[in-house]
Amino acid sequence: MKVRVRSIALIRSLLGKDQIELLLSEGATVEDALARLVEIGDPKLASYLAEPKEKSAHAPLRIMVNGRDITVLKGRSTVLADGDDILVFIPIAGG
């Protein structure tokens, strides 16, 4: 199946582009998509996409699937479907 991953700010910089299409196996999860991004992105990307052992380990990564935060779905275990749109970013604060 094919999914589209979009990114902004730091994640986009480490990925090298603002969007990419991934070919994944049927039944693949958000975690599988993140693992694929680590394979093709800057080596520094891995530390940002890894699930932190402590909540304050690094800036909070946000992941949306089809406009819904994965925290209201099944987290990184959310099963993806062909054509899904995934947005991966670190929220930016400031004024």
Protein backbone atom coordinates (compact mmCIF):
# COMPACT_ATOMS: atom_id res chain seq x y z
CA MET A 1 0.00 0.00 0.00
CA LYS A 2 1.03 3.60 -0.47
CA VAL A 3 0.81 6.35 2.18
CA ARG A 4 1.86 9.98 2.06
CA VAL A 5 3.97 11.42 4.86
CA ARG A 6 4.14 15.18 5.24
CA SER A 7 6.44 17.03 7.62
CA ILE A 8 7.29 20.56 8.67
CA ALA A 9 10.12 22.45 10.37
CA LEU A 10 12.87 20.30 11.93
CA ILE A 11 11.42 16.97 10.80
CA ARG A 12 11.17 18.24 7.22
CA SER A 13 14.78 19.39 7.38
CA LEU A 14 15.99 16.01 8.63
CA LEU A 15 13.86 14.13 6.11
CA GLY A 16 15.12 16.33 3.28
CA LYS A 17 11.68 17.10 1.80
CA ASP A 18 8.26 18.24 2.95
CA GLN A 19 6.43 15.13 1.76
CA ILE A 20 7.22 11.63 0.66
CA GLU A 21 5.26 8.59 -0.44
CA LEU A 22 6.04 5.33 1.31
CA LEU A 23 5.28 1.84 0.08
CA LEU A 24 4.36 -0.30 3.07
CA SER A 25 3.00 -3.80 3.56
CA GLU A 26 -0.70 -4.30 4.17
CA GLY A 27 -1.38 -4.05 7.89
CA ALA A 28 1.55 -1.69 8.47
CA THR A 29 1.31 0.63 11.46
CA VAL A 30 2.41 4.18 12.22
CA GLU A 31 5.47 2.66 13.91
CA ASP A 32 6.34 0.85 10.66
CA ALA A 33 6.07 4.12 8.73
CA LEU A 34 8.33 5.88 11.23
CA ALA A 35 10.88 3.07 10.97
CA ARG A 36 10.89 3.48 7.19
CA LEU A 37 11.46 7.24 7.56
CA VAL A 38 14.46 6.55 9.80
CA GLU A 39 15.91 4.33 7.05
CA ILE A 40 15.69 7.04 4.39
CA GLY A 41 16.23 10.27 6.37
CA ASP A 42 19.18 11.94 8.06
CA PRO A 43 20.65 9.70 10.80
CA LYS A 44 19.70 12.38 13.36
CA LEU A 45 16.03 11.77 12.50
CA ALA A 46 16.01 8.51 14.46
CA SER A 47 16.30 10.25 17.83
CA TYR A 48 13.34 12.51 17.09
CA LEU A 49 11.09 9.72 15.80
CA ALA A 50 11.92 7.24 18.57
CA GLU A 51 9.36 6.94 21.30
CA PRO A 52 10.95 8.66 24.32
CA LYS A 53 11.58 6.58 27.43
CA GLU A 54 10.75 9.66 29.50
CA LYS A 55 8.17 12.25 28.52
CA SER A 56 10.69 15.09 28.92
CA ALA A 57 13.45 13.34 26.92
CA HIS A 58 13.01 15.60 23.89
CA ALA A 59 10.48 17.85 22.19
CA PRO A 60 7.07 16.18 21.84
CA LEU A 61 6.59 14.59 18.43
CA ARG A 62 3.08 14.94 17.03
CA ILE A 63 1.69 12.52 14.51
CA MET A 64 -1.61 12.91 12.71
CA VAL A 65 -3.25 10.32 10.46
CA ASN A 66 -5.87 11.77 8.14
CA GLY A 67 -6.14 14.83 10.37
CA ARG A 68 -6.57 12.89 13.63
CA ASP A 69 -3.93 12.83 16.35
CA ILE A 70 -2.76 9.26 16.89
CA THR A 71 -3.23 9.71 20.65
CA VAL A 72 -7.00 9.42 20.05
CA LEU A 73 -6.48 6.43 17.76
CA LYS A 74 -4.23 3.52 18.75
CA GLY A 75 -1.01 5.49 19.05
CA ARG A 76 1.94 4.13 17.14
CA SER A 77 0.04 0.84 16.76
CA THR A 78 -2.55 2.56 14.54
CA VAL A 79 -2.97 0.42 11.43
CA LEU A 80 -2.63 2.37 8.20
CA ALA A 81 -4.62 1.99 4.99
CA ASP A 82 -3.77 2.67 1.38
CA GLY A 83 -3.92 6.39 0.66
CA ASP A 84 -3.59 7.54 4.28
CA ASP A 85 -2.07 10.96 4.92
CA ILE A 86 0.39 11.17 7.83
CA LEU A 87 1.66 14.47 9.23
CA VAL A 88 4.75 14.30 11.46
CA PHE A 89 5.97 17.41 13.28
CA ILE A 90 7.30 18.92 16.46
CA PRO A 91 5.01 21.71 17.67
CA ILE A 92 6.54 25.16 17.50
CA ALA A 93 5.82 27.64 20.25
CA GLY A 94 6.54 31.30 20.34
CA GLY A 95 5.04 34.61 19.64
